[in-house]
Amino acid sequence: MQLGGLVAPPLPGRASLLAQVMTGPPEAWFRAYLDCAVAPLLRIYDATGIAVEAHQQNALLDLEGGLPRRCDIRDNQGFYVAEDMAPPEWRAIPQLVYPRAEAEAALGYALIVNQVFGVIHRMDLDGIWPEGAALTVLAQHLRGLAALPGHGGALARSWLERPTLPAKGNMLTQLGGVDELLIPGERAPMIRIANPLPARAAAGALADVA
């Protein structure tokens, strides 16, 4: 099932799709989701330098048996290969190899801010599970991934420690009258938002940043 549909606002008088499909304790569901949606992408980045821009609308969860057990990325918006890990033949492909900071900003926004925070926000809005509890479990998950030996482990640590996270400047793009499809590489401006993970809980509700 498409993750973007799961976390979308429900029709009036109806429960969200996430509330309808979630079975069992929400913590178990969320941990299973992190295991199949977050950990593999960070391990791929750690081993290869490939950052997958996995927005929630491109993530498909296999919910057979009730718990997420697989996450497929379809119609991916972009791949970023960190330039210091790109072989020469990859460098010849236009709009594939990028500075590491740009690759990590894309991965951090798409995976953490857009996708995982979207799930947390919907669970909290629906009264399924408090935002603070979900953020604590996310922080625990990232602490485990921080043990990865390469840049993936360092990136997980940065998500736990830095005061801000990267986010796509969708509103700035719209207010500026810019068509994202006409921006070179279709790369909209990036902004920074407050990071709730260092404290393992947000002071208030997460903004709907998807």
N, C-alpha and C. Protein backbone atom coordinates (compact mmCIF):
# COMPACT_ATOMS: atom_id res chain seq x y z
N MET A 1 0.85 -1.18 0.00
CA MET A 1 0.00 0.00 0.00
C MET A 1 0.89 1.24 0.00
N GLN A 2 0.48 2.26 -0.77
CA GLN A 2 1.28 3.48 -0.86
C GLN A 2 1.28 4.21 0.47
N LEU A 3 2.48 4.54 0.95
CA LEU A 3 2.60 5.19 2.25
C LEU A 3 1.95 6.57 2.24
N GLY A 4 2.07 7.29 1.13
CA GLY A 4 1.44 8.61 1.05
C GLY A 4 -0.06 8.53 1.24
N GLY A 5 -0.70 7.47 0.74
CA GLY A 5 -2.12 7.30 0.95
C GLY A 5 -2.46 6.94 2.38
N LEU A 6 -1.58 6.17 3.02
CA LEU A 6 -1.82 5.78 4.41
C LEU A 6 -1.87 6.98 5.35
N VAL A 7 -1.02 7.98 5.09
CA VAL A 7 -0.92 9.11 6.01
C VAL A 7 -1.71 10.33 5.54
N ALA A 8 -2.44 10.21 4.43
CA ALA A 8 -3.23 11.33 3.93
C ALA A 8 -4.40 11.62 4.87
N PRO A 9 -4.84 12.89 4.93
CA PRO A 9 -6.00 13.21 5.76
C PRO A 9 -7.22 12.41 5.31
N PRO A 10 -7.99 11.87 6.24
CA PRO A 10 -9.15 11.05 5.86
C PRO A 10 -10.32 11.91 5.40
N LEU A 11 -11.27 11.28 4.75
CA LEU A 11 -12.51 11.96 4.41
C LEU A 11 -13.28 12.28 5.69
N PRO A 12 -14.11 13.31 5.68
CA PRO A 12 -14.87 13.66 6.89
C PRO A 12 -15.65 12.47 7.43
N GLY A 13 -15.51 12.27 8.72
CA GLY A 13 -16.25 11.21 9.37
C GLY A 13 -15.65 9.83 9.22
N ARG A 14 -14.48 9.74 8.60
CA ARG A 14 -13.85 8.43 8.40
C ARG A 14 -12.46 8.43 9.01
N ALA A 15 -11.96 7.25 9.32
CA ALA A 15 -10.61 7.10 9.84
C ALA A 15 -9.61 7.10 8.68
N SER A 16 -8.40 7.50 8.98
CA SER A 16 -7.36 7.46 7.96
C SER A 16 -7.08 6.02 7.55
N LEU A 17 -6.47 5.85 6.39
CA LEU A 17 -6.11 4.50 5.96
C LEU A 17 -5.14 3.85 6.93
N LEU A 18 -4.23 4.65 7.49
CA LEU A 18 -3.29 4.08 8.45
C LEU A 18 -4.03 3.51 9.65
N ALA A 19 -5.00 4.25 10.18
CA ALA A 19 -5.77 3.76 11.32
C ALA A 19 -6.56 2.50 10.95
N GLN A 20 -6.99 2.39 9.70
CA GLN A 20 -7.77 1.24 9.28
C GLN A 20 -6.93 -0.02 9.13
N VAL A 21 -5.68 0.14 8.68
CA VAL A 21 -4.87 -1.06 8.39
C VAL A 21 -3.96 -1.46 9.55
N MET A 22 -3.71 -0.55 10.49
CA MET A 22 -2.79 -0.87 11.58
C MET A 22 -3.40 -1.91 12.50
N THR A 23 -2.66 -2.97 12.75
CA THR A 23 -3.12 -4.01 13.66
C THR A 23 -2.09 -4.20 14.77
N GLY A 24 -2.56 -4.58 15.95
CA GLY A 24 -1.65 -4.82 17.05
C GLY A 24 -1.14 -3.54 17.67
N PRO A 25 -0.18 -3.64 18.58
CA PRO A 25 0.37 -2.47 19.26
C PRO A 25 1.04 -1.52 18.26
N PRO A 26 0.79 -0.22 18.36
CA PRO A 26 1.40 0.71 17.40
C PRO A 26 2.92 0.71 17.44
N GLU A 27 3.50 0.48 18.61
CA GLU A 27 4.96 0.46 18.68
C GLU A 27 5.54 -0.68 17.83
N ALA A 28 4.93 -1.85 17.89
CA ALA A 28 5.41 -2.98 17.09
C ALA A 28 5.27 -2.67 15.61
N TRP A 29 4.16 -2.05 15.21
CA TRP A 29 3.95 -1.67 13.81
C TRP A 29 5.02 -0.68 13.36
N PHE A 30 5.26 0.32 14.18
CA PHE A 30 6.22 1.37 13.82
C PHE A 30 7.63 0.82 13.75
N ARG A 31 8.01 -0.03 14.68
CA ARG A 31 9.35 -0.63 14.64
C ARG A 31 9.52 -1.49 13.38
N ALA A 32 8.48 -2.23 13.00
CA ALA A 32 8.56 -3.03 11.78
C ALA A 32 8.69 -2.14 10.56
N TYR A 33 8.00 -1.03 10.57
CA TYR A 33 8.10 -0.05 9.47
C TYR A 33 9.52 0.50 9.36
N LEU A 34 10.11 0.89 10.47
CA LEU A 34 11.48 1.42 10.45
C LEU A 34 12.46 0.37 9.95
N ASP A 35 12.25 -0.88 10.35
CA ASP A 35 13.16 -1.96 9.94
C ASP A 35 13.18 -2.16 8.43
N CYS A 36 12.04 -1.95 7.77
CA CYS A 36 12.00 -2.21 6.33
C CYS A 36 12.09 -0.95 5.49
N ALA A 37 11.79 0.21 6.07
CA ALA A 37 11.77 1.45 5.27
C ALA A 37 12.99 2.33 5.49
N VAL A 38 13.56 2.32 6.68
CA VAL A 38 14.66 3.22 6.99
C VAL A 38 16.01 2.50 6.96
N ALA A 39 16.12 1.42 7.70
CA ALA A 39 17.41 0.74 7.83
C ALA A 39 18.02 0.32 6.48
N PRO A 40 17.26 -0.28 5.55
CA PRO A 40 17.89 -0.69 4.29
C PRO A 40 18.47 0.47 3.49
N LEU A 41 17.76 1.60 3.45
CA LEU A 41 18.25 2.73 2.66
C LEU A 41 19.52 3.32 3.27
N LEU A 42 19.60 3.34 4.60
CA LEU A 42 20.80 3.88 5.22
C LEU A 42 21.97 2.91 5.06
N ARG A 43 21.69 1.61 5.08
CA ARG A 43 22.76 0.63 4.85
C ARG A 43 23.27 0.71 3.40
N ILE A 44 22.35 0.91 2.45
CA ILE A 44 22.77 1.08 1.05
C ILE A 44 23.67 2.30 0.92
N TYR A 45 23.27 3.38 1.55
CA TYR A 45 24.08 4.60 1.48
C TYR A 45 25.44 4.38 2.13
N ASP A 46 25.47 3.71 3.25
CA ASP A 46 26.73 3.46 3.95
C ASP A 46 27.68 2.65 3.09
N ALA A 47 27.16 1.65 2.38
CA ALA A 47 28.01 0.73 1.61
C ALA A 47 28.39 1.27 0.24
N THR A 48 27.50 2.08 -0.37
CA THR A 48 27.72 2.45 -1.77
C THR A 48 27.80 3.94 -2.04
N GLY A 49 27.33 4.77 -1.11
CA GLY A 49 27.26 6.20 -1.36
C GLY A 49 26.04 6.60 -2.17
N ILE A 50 25.11 5.66 -2.40
CA ILE A 50 23.90 5.95 -3.17
C ILE A 50 22.79 6.39 -2.21
N ALA A 51 22.29 7.59 -2.40
CA ALA A 51 21.19 8.12 -1.60
C ALA A 51 19.92 8.08 -2.42
N VAL A 52 18.90 7.41 -1.90
CA VAL A 52 17.63 7.26 -2.61
C VAL A 52 16.65 8.29 -2.07
N GLU A 53 16.08 9.08 -2.96
CA GLU A 53 15.13 10.13 -2.57
C GLU A 53 13.74 9.51 -2.45
N ALA A 54 13.51 8.85 -1.33
CA ALA A 54 12.31 8.01 -1.15
C ALA A 54 11.19 8.79 -0.47
N HIS A 55 10.48 9.61 -1.23
CA HIS A 55 9.34 10.33 -0.69
C HIS A 55 8.21 9.36 -0.33
N GLN A 56 7.31 9.82 0.53
CA GLN A 56 6.22 8.94 0.97
C GLN A 56 5.32 8.51 -0.18
N GLN A 57 5.17 9.36 -1.21
CA GLN A 57 4.30 8.97 -2.32
C GLN A 57 4.95 7.89 -3.19
N ASN A 58 6.25 7.66 -3.02
CA ASN A 58 6.95 6.65 -3.81
C ASN A 58 7.24 5.38 -3.03
N ALA A 59 6.81 5.32 -1.78
CA ALA A 59 7.09 4.17 -0.92
C ALA A 59 5.86 3.26 -0.86
N LEU A 60 6.06 1.98 -1.14
CA LEU A 60 4.99 0.99 -1.09
C LEU A 60 5.28 -0.01 0.01
N LEU A 61 4.39 -0.11 0.98
CA LEU A 61 4.56 -1.04 2.10
C LEU A 61 3.81 -2.33 1.85
N ASP A 62 4.49 -3.43 2.08
CA ASP A 62 3.84 -4.74 2.07
C ASP A 62 3.33 -4.98 3.48
N LEU A 63 2.01 -5.01 3.63
CA LEU A 63 1.38 -5.15 4.94
C LEU A 63 0.75 -6.52 5.14
N GLU A 64 1.19 -7.49 4.38
CA GLU A 64 0.67 -8.84 4.54
C GLU A 64 0.95 -9.33 5.96
N GLY A 65 -0.07 -9.77 6.63
CA GLY A 65 0.10 -10.20 8.01
C GLY A 65 -0.09 -9.08 9.02
N GLY A 66 -0.36 -7.86 8.53
CA GLY A 66 -0.64 -6.75 9.43
C GLY A 66 0.53 -5.82 9.66
N LEU A 67 1.75 -6.37 9.79
CA LEU A 67 2.92 -5.54 10.05
C LEU A 67 3.67 -5.27 8.75
N PRO A 68 4.28 -4.08 8.63
CA PRO A 68 5.12 -3.83 7.46
C PRO A 68 6.27 -4.84 7.42
N ARG A 69 6.47 -5.46 6.27
CA ARG A 69 7.55 -6.43 6.17
C ARG A 69 8.46 -6.17 4.98
N ARG A 70 8.06 -5.22 4.13
CA ARG A 70 8.89 -4.87 2.98
C ARG A 70 8.47 -3.49 2.50
N CYS A 71 9.44 -2.70 2.06
CA CYS A 71 9.15 -1.38 1.51
C CYS A 71 9.83 -1.27 0.15
N ASP A 72 9.04 -1.12 -0.89
CA ASP A 72 9.56 -0.94 -2.24
C ASP A 72 9.48 0.53 -2.62
N ILE A 73 10.48 1.00 -3.32
CA ILE A 73 10.51 2.39 -3.79
C ILE A 73 10.23 2.37 -5.29
N ARG A 74 9.14 3.01 -5.69
CA ARG A 74 8.77 3.04 -7.10
C ARG A 74 8.89 4.48 -7.62
N ASP A 75 9.03 4.62 -8.93
CA ASP A 75 9.02 5.94 -9.56
C ASP A 75 9.85 6.92 -8.74
N ASN A 76 11.05 6.49 -8.36
CA ASN A 76 11.88 7.28 -7.47
C ASN A 76 12.17 8.65 -8.07
N GLN A 77 12.04 9.69 -7.24
CA GLN A 77 12.25 11.05 -7.75
C GLN A 77 13.70 11.33 -8.09
N GLY A 78 14.62 10.64 -7.46
CA GLY A 78 16.01 10.90 -7.79
C GLY A 78 16.96 10.00 -7.05
N PHE A 79 18.11 9.78 -7.66
CA PHE A 79 19.23 9.09 -7.03
C PHE A 79 20.39 10.06 -6.94
N TYR A 80 21.05 10.06 -5.82
CA TYR A 80 22.24 10.88 -5.63
C TYR A 80 23.38 9.95 -5.26
N VAL A 81 24.47 10.04 -5.98
CA VAL A 81 25.66 9.27 -5.62
C VAL A 81 26.69 10.26 -5.08
N ALA A 82 27.13 10.02 -3.85
CA ALA A 82 28.16 10.90 -3.26
C ALA A 82 29.42 10.84 -4.11
N GLU A 83 29.94 12.03 -4.48
CA GLU A 83 31.01 12.08 -5.48
C GLU A 83 32.28 11.36 -5.04
N ASP A 84 32.54 11.29 -3.73
CA ASP A 84 33.77 10.65 -3.29
C ASP A 84 33.68 9.12 -3.33
N MET A 85 32.48 8.57 -3.64
CA MET A 85 32.34 7.12 -3.76
C MET A 85 31.90 6.70 -5.16
N ALA A 86 31.84 7.65 -6.10
CA ALA A 86 31.35 7.35 -7.44
C ALA A 86 32.49 6.88 -8.34
N PRO A 87 32.35 5.70 -8.97
CA PRO A 87 33.36 5.26 -9.93
C PRO A 87 33.34 6.16 -11.17
N PRO A 88 34.41 6.17 -11.94
CA PRO A 88 34.50 7.07 -13.10
C PRO A 88 33.35 6.95 -14.07
N GLU A 89 32.88 5.74 -14.32
CA GLU A 89 31.80 5.58 -15.30
C GLU A 89 30.49 6.22 -14.83
N TRP A 90 30.28 6.27 -13.51
CA TRP A 90 29.08 6.92 -13.00
C TRP A 90 29.16 8.43 -13.16
N ARG A 91 30.35 8.97 -13.07
CA ARG A 91 30.53 10.42 -13.19
C ARG A 91 30.16 10.92 -14.58
N ALA A 92 30.14 10.02 -15.55
CA ALA A 92 29.79 10.42 -16.91
C ALA A 92 28.28 10.55 -17.11
N ILE A 93 27.48 10.10 -16.14
CA ILE A 93 26.02 10.16 -16.25
C ILE A 93 25.52 11.49 -15.69
N PRO A 94 24.82 12.29 -16.49
CA PRO A 94 24.35 13.60 -16.01
C PRO A 94 23.43 13.48 -14.80
N GLN A 95 23.57 14.40 -13.88
CA GLN A 95 22.68 14.52 -12.71
C GLN A 95 22.59 13.24 -11.91
N LEU A 96 23.72 12.60 -11.71
CA LEU A 96 23.77 11.39 -10.88
C LEU A 96 24.73 11.56 -9.71
N VAL A 97 25.88 12.19 -9.93
CA VAL A 97 26.90 12.34 -8.91
C VAL A 97 26.84 13.75 -8.34
N TYR A 98 26.83 13.84 -7.00
CA TYR A 98 26.67 15.12 -6.32
C TYR A 98 27.63 15.20 -5.13
N PRO A 99 27.91 16.41 -4.66
CA PRO A 99 28.66 16.53 -3.41
C PRO A 99 27.95 15.78 -2.29
N ARG A 100 28.72 15.22 -1.38
CA ARG A 100 28.12 14.39 -0.32
C ARG A 100 27.08 15.17 0.48
N ALA A 101 27.32 16.43 0.77
CA ALA A 101 26.37 17.20 1.56
C ALA A 101 25.02 17.30 0.85
N GLU A 102 25.03 17.42 -0.47
CA GLU A 102 23.77 17.51 -1.21
C GLU A 102 23.06 16.16 -1.23
N ALA A 103 23.81 15.09 -1.38
CA ALA A 103 23.21 13.76 -1.35
C ALA A 103 22.58 13.48 0.01
N GLU A 104 23.26 13.86 1.07
CA GLU A 104 22.73 13.60 2.41
C GLU A 104 21.53 14.47 2.74
N ALA A 105 21.50 15.69 2.20
CA ALA A 105 20.33 16.55 2.41
C ALA A 105 19.10 15.94 1.74
N ALA A 106 19.29 15.41 0.53
CA ALA A 106 18.17 14.80 -0.18
C ALA A 106 17.67 13.56 0.55
N LEU A 107 18.59 12.72 1.01
CA LEU A 107 18.20 11.51 1.74
C LEU A 107 17.52 11.87 3.05
N GLY A 108 18.07 12.82 3.78
CA GLY A 108 17.50 13.21 5.07
C GLY A 108 16.10 13.78 4.93
N TYR A 109 15.90 14.63 3.92
CA TYR A 109 14.57 15.21 3.75
C TYR A 109 13.55 14.14 3.35
N ALA A 110 13.86 13.40 2.28
CA ALA A 110 12.88 12.46 1.74
C ALA A 110 12.54 11.35 2.73
N LEU A 111 13.56 10.79 3.37
CA LEU A 111 13.35 9.63 4.23
C LEU A 111 12.85 10.00 5.62
N ILE A 112 13.50 10.96 6.25
CA ILE A 112 13.15 11.28 7.64
C ILE A 112 12.03 12.31 7.73
N VAL A 113 12.22 13.46 7.11
CA VAL A 113 11.25 14.56 7.25
C VAL A 113 9.95 14.24 6.51
N ASN A 114 10.05 13.88 5.25
CA ASN A 114 8.85 13.66 4.46
C ASN A 114 8.17 12.34 4.81
N GLN A 115 8.96 11.27 4.89
CA GLN A 115 8.34 9.95 5.05
C GLN A 115 8.08 9.58 6.52
N VAL A 116 9.13 9.48 7.33
CA VAL A 116 8.95 8.99 8.70
C VAL A 116 8.16 9.99 9.55
N PHE A 117 8.50 11.27 9.45
CA PHE A 117 7.74 12.25 10.21
C PHE A 117 6.28 12.29 9.77
N GLY A 118 6.02 11.98 8.50
CA GLY A 118 4.64 11.92 8.04
C GLY A 118 3.87 10.81 8.73
N VAL A 119 4.50 9.65 8.93
CA VAL A 119 3.86 8.55 9.64
C VAL A 119 3.62 8.93 11.10
N ILE A 120 4.64 9.51 11.74
CA ILE A 120 4.51 9.91 13.15
C ILE A 120 3.39 10.94 13.32
N HIS A 121 3.36 11.90 12.42
CA HIS A 121 2.34 12.96 12.49
C HIS A 121 0.93 12.37 12.38
N ARG A 122 0.74 11.44 11.45
CA ARG A 122 -0.58 10.84 11.27
C ARG A 122 -0.98 10.01 12.48
N MET A 123 -0.05 9.23 13.05
CA MET A 123 -0.38 8.44 14.23
C MET A 123 -0.80 9.34 15.38
N ASP A 124 -0.12 10.46 15.55
CA ASP A 124 -0.45 11.38 16.63
C ASP A 124 -1.81 12.03 16.39
N LEU A 125 -2.05 12.49 15.16
CA LEU A 125 -3.33 13.14 14.84
C LEU A 125 -4.50 12.19 15.06
N ASP A 126 -4.31 10.92 14.74
CA ASP A 126 -5.38 9.94 14.86
C ASP A 126 -5.53 9.38 16.27
N GLY A 127 -4.66 9.81 17.18
CA GLY A 127 -4.72 9.29 18.54
C GLY A 127 -4.26 7.85 18.65
N ILE A 128 -3.49 7.39 17.65
CA ILE A 128 -3.00 6.01 17.67
C ILE A 128 -1.83 5.86 18.63
N TRP A 129 -0.91 6.84 18.58
CA TRP A 129 0.30 6.76 19.40
C TRP A 129 0.88 8.16 19.52
N PRO A 130 1.29 8.59 20.71
CA PRO A 130 1.79 9.95 20.89
C PRO A 130 3.08 10.21 20.10
N GLU A 131 3.19 11.40 19.61
CA GLU A 131 4.35 11.80 18.83
C GLU A 131 5.66 11.59 19.58
N GLY A 132 5.69 11.98 20.85
CA GLY A 132 6.91 11.86 21.63
C GLY A 132 7.39 10.42 21.76
N ALA A 133 6.46 9.49 21.94
CA ALA A 133 6.83 8.08 22.06
C ALA A 133 7.41 7.57 20.74
N ALA A 134 6.81 7.97 19.62
CA ALA A 134 7.30 7.53 18.31
C ALA A 134 8.68 8.12 18.03
N LEU A 135 8.89 9.38 18.40
CA LEU A 135 10.20 9.99 18.18
C LEU A 135 11.28 9.29 19.01
N THR A 136 10.93 8.86 20.20
CA THR A 136 11.89 8.14 21.03
C THR A 136 12.29 6.82 20.37
N VAL A 137 11.31 6.10 19.82
CA VAL A 137 11.62 4.84 19.14
C VAL A 137 12.44 5.11 17.88
N LEU A 138 12.13 6.18 17.14
CA LEU A 138 12.94 6.53 15.97
C LEU A 138 14.38 6.82 16.38
N ALA A 139 14.56 7.56 17.47
CA ALA A 139 15.91 7.85 17.94
C ALA A 139 16.65 6.57 18.31
N GLN A 140 15.96 5.63 18.95
CA GLN A 140 16.59 4.34 19.29
C GLN A 140 17.01 3.60 18.02
N HIS A 141 16.15 3.62 17.02
CA HIS A 141 16.45 2.95 15.74
C HIS A 141 17.69 3.57 15.09
N LEU A 142 17.76 4.89 15.09
CA LEU A 142 18.90 5.57 14.47
C LEU A 142 20.18 5.35 15.27
N ARG A 143 20.07 5.22 16.59
CA ARG A 143 21.27 4.93 17.38
C ARG A 143 21.86 3.58 16.98
N GLY A 144 21.00 2.62 16.68
CA GLY A 144 21.50 1.34 16.22
C GLY A 144 22.20 1.46 14.87
N LEU A 145 21.65 2.28 13.97
CA LEU A 145 22.24 2.46 12.66
C LEU A 145 23.51 3.31 12.72
N ALA A 146 23.67 4.08 13.78
CA ALA A 146 24.88 4.89 13.93
C ALA A 146 26.13 4.03 14.07
N ALA A 147 25.94 2.74 14.33
CA ALA A 147 27.09 1.83 14.43
C ALA A 147 27.61 1.40 13.06
N LEU A 148 26.91 1.75 11.98
CA LEU A 148 27.43 1.43 10.64
C LEU A 148 28.80 2.07 10.47
N PRO A 149 29.71 1.39 9.77
CA PRO A 149 31.11 1.82 9.78
C PRO A 149 31.44 3.03 8.92
N GLY A 150 30.57 3.38 7.96
CA GLY A 150 30.92 4.43 7.01
C GLY A 150 30.10 5.69 7.18
N HIS A 151 29.85 6.34 6.04
CA HIS A 151 29.13 7.62 6.08
C HIS A 151 27.67 7.45 6.48
N GLY A 152 27.10 6.25 6.29
CA GLY A 152 25.73 6.02 6.73
C GLY A 152 25.61 6.11 8.24
N GLY A 153 26.57 5.54 8.94
CA GLY A 153 26.56 5.65 10.40
C GLY A 153 26.73 7.08 10.86
N ALA A 154 27.62 7.81 10.19
CA ALA A 154 27.83 9.22 10.54
C ALA A 154 26.57 10.04 10.27
N LEU A 155 25.86 9.72 9.18
CA LEU A 155 24.63 10.44 8.88
C LEU A 155 23.57 10.17 9.93
N ALA A 156 23.43 8.92 10.36
CA ALA A 156 22.46 8.60 11.42
C ALA A 156 22.78 9.39 12.69
N ARG A 157 24.06 9.49 13.02
CA ARG A 157 24.44 10.26 14.21
C ARG A 157 24.10 11.74 14.04
N SER A 158 24.29 12.25 12.82
CA SER A 158 23.99 13.66 12.60
C SER A 158 22.50 13.94 12.75
N TRP A 159 21.65 13.01 12.33
CA TRP A 159 20.21 13.18 12.50
C TRP A 159 19.83 13.19 13.97
N LEU A 160 20.60 12.52 14.79
CA LEU A 160 20.32 12.48 16.23
C LEU A 160 20.85 13.71 16.96
N GLU A 161 21.84 14.38 16.38
CA GLU A 161 22.57 15.41 17.12
C GLU A 161 22.38 16.83 16.61
N ARG A 162 22.18 17.00 15.33
CA ARG A 162 22.14 18.36 14.78
C ARG A 162 20.83 19.05 15.14
N PRO A 163 20.86 20.36 15.38
CA PRO A 163 19.64 21.07 15.78
C PRO A 163 18.63 21.25 14.66
N THR A 164 19.05 21.09 13.41
CA THR A 164 18.12 21.26 12.30
C THR A 164 18.25 20.09 11.32
N LEU A 165 17.21 19.93 10.51
CA LEU A 165 17.19 18.92 9.46
C LEU A 165 16.86 19.60 8.13
N PRO A 166 17.31 19.02 7.00
CA PRO A 166 16.99 19.62 5.71
C PRO A 166 15.54 19.37 5.33
N ALA A 167 14.95 20.32 4.65
CA ALA A 167 13.59 20.17 4.14
C ALA A 167 13.49 20.89 2.81
N LYS A 168 12.60 20.44 1.99
CA LYS A 168 12.40 21.03 0.68
C LYS A 168 11.60 22.32 0.82
N GLY A 169 12.06 23.38 0.17
CA GLY A 169 11.39 24.68 0.27
C GLY A 169 10.24 24.80 -0.70
N ASN A 170 9.22 23.97 -0.53
CA ASN A 170 8.10 23.98 -1.47
C ASN A 170 7.38 25.32 -1.50
N MET A 171 7.14 25.91 -0.32
CA MET A 171 6.42 27.18 -0.28
C MET A 171 7.25 28.30 -0.92
N LEU A 172 8.55 28.31 -0.64
CA LEU A 172 9.41 29.32 -1.25
C LEU A 172 9.39 29.21 -2.77
N THR A 173 9.39 27.97 -3.25
CA THR A 173 9.35 27.75 -4.69
C THR A 173 8.05 28.30 -5.28
N GLN A 174 6.92 28.02 -4.61
CA GLN A 174 5.63 28.48 -5.11
C GLN A 174 5.50 30.00 -5.03
N LEU A 175 5.91 30.57 -3.88
CA LEU A 175 5.79 32.02 -3.72
C LEU A 175 6.68 32.76 -4.72
N GLY A 176 7.77 32.13 -5.10
CA GLY A 176 8.65 32.74 -6.08
C GLY A 176 8.18 32.56 -7.51
N GLY A 177 7.05 31.87 -7.70
CA GLY A 177 6.52 31.67 -9.03
C GLY A 177 7.40 30.79 -9.89
N VAL A 178 8.10 29.86 -9.25
CA VAL A 178 9.05 29.00 -9.96
C VAL A 178 8.42 27.63 -10.21
N ASP A 179 8.55 27.16 -11.42
CA ASP A 179 8.12 25.80 -11.74
C ASP A 179 9.29 24.87 -11.44
N GLU A 180 9.08 23.97 -10.47
CA GLU A 180 10.17 23.09 -10.06
C GLU A 180 10.72 22.28 -11.23
N LEU A 181 9.87 21.95 -12.18
CA LEU A 181 10.32 21.15 -13.32
C LEU A 181 11.28 21.93 -14.22
N LEU A 182 11.30 23.26 -14.05
CA LEU A 182 12.18 24.07 -14.88
C LEU A 182 13.49 24.41 -14.19
N ILE A 183 13.61 24.05 -12.92
CA ILE A 183 14.86 24.27 -12.19
C ILE A 183 15.88 23.25 -12.68
N PRO A 184 17.11 23.66 -12.93
CA PRO A 184 18.13 22.69 -13.37
C PRO A 184 18.19 21.48 -12.44
N GLY A 185 18.01 20.30 -13.02
CA GLY A 185 18.01 19.09 -12.22
C GLY A 185 16.75 18.89 -11.40
N GLU A 186 15.76 19.78 -11.58
CA GLU A 186 14.50 19.73 -10.83
C GLU A 186 14.77 19.74 -9.32
N ARG A 187 15.76 20.51 -8.90
CA ARG A 187 16.13 20.57 -7.48
C ARG A 187 15.61 21.84 -6.86
N ALA A 188 14.51 21.73 -6.12
CA ALA A 188 13.93 22.89 -5.46
C ALA A 188 14.85 23.35 -4.33
N PRO A 189 14.73 24.61 -3.91
CA PRO A 189 15.57 25.11 -2.80
C PRO A 189 15.34 24.31 -1.53
N MET A 190 16.39 24.14 -0.74
CA MET A 190 16.30 23.45 0.54
C MET A 190 16.35 24.47 1.67
N ILE A 191 15.61 24.19 2.74
CA ILE A 191 15.63 25.01 3.95
C ILE A 191 16.01 24.12 5.12
N ARG A 192 16.11 24.70 6.31
CA ARG A 192 16.38 23.93 7.52
C ARG A 192 15.21 24.09 8.48
N ILE A 193 14.81 22.98 9.10
CA ILE A 193 13.74 23.01 10.10
C ILE A 193 14.28 22.47 11.42
N ALA A 194 13.60 22.82 12.50
CA ALA A 194 14.02 22.35 13.83
C ALA A 194 13.96 20.83 13.90
N ASN A 195 14.98 20.23 14.49
CA ASN A 195 15.08 18.78 14.60
C ASN A 195 14.60 18.34 15.98
N PRO A 196 13.52 17.54 16.05
CA PRO A 196 13.02 17.10 17.36
C PRO A 196 13.79 15.92 17.94
N LEU A 197 14.68 15.32 17.17
CA LEU A 197 15.32 14.08 17.63
C LEU A 197 16.35 14.25 18.74
N PRO A 198 17.15 15.34 18.78
CA PRO A 198 18.10 15.44 19.89
C PRO A 198 17.43 15.35 21.25
N ALA A 199 16.29 15.90 21.39
CA ALA A 199 15.55 15.82 22.65
C ALA A 199 14.65 14.60 22.72
N ARG A 200 14.56 13.84 21.60
CA ARG A 200 13.74 12.64 21.46
C ARG A 200 12.25 12.90 21.64
N ALA A 201 11.86 14.14 21.57
CA ALA A 201 10.45 14.48 21.58
C ALA A 201 10.32 15.93 21.15
N ALA A 202 9.28 16.25 20.38
CA ALA A 202 9.06 17.62 19.93
C ALA A 202 8.34 18.40 21.01
N ALA A 203 8.63 19.72 21.05
CA ALA A 203 7.94 20.58 22.02
C ALA A 203 6.46 20.71 21.67
N GLY A 204 6.15 20.65 20.38
CA GLY A 204 4.77 20.74 19.95
C GLY A 204 4.55 19.72 18.85
N ALA A 205 3.39 19.77 18.25
CA ALA A 205 3.07 18.82 17.18
C ALA A 205 3.92 19.11 15.97
N LEU A 206 4.31 18.07 15.25
CA LEU A 206 5.07 18.24 14.01
C LEU A 206 4.21 18.98 13.00
N ALA A 207 4.83 19.92 12.32
CA ALA A 207 4.13 20.59 11.23
C ALA A 207 3.94 19.59 10.09
N ASP A 208 2.91 19.83 9.31
CA ASP A 208 2.67 18.95 8.17
C ASP A 208 3.60 19.39 7.04
N VAL A 209 4.82 18.87 7.04
CA VAL A 209 5.85 19.35 6.12
C VAL A 209 5.91 18.53 4.85
N ALA A 210 5.08 17.48 4.72
CA ALA A 210 5.13 16.67 3.51
C ALA A 210 4.63 17.46 2.33
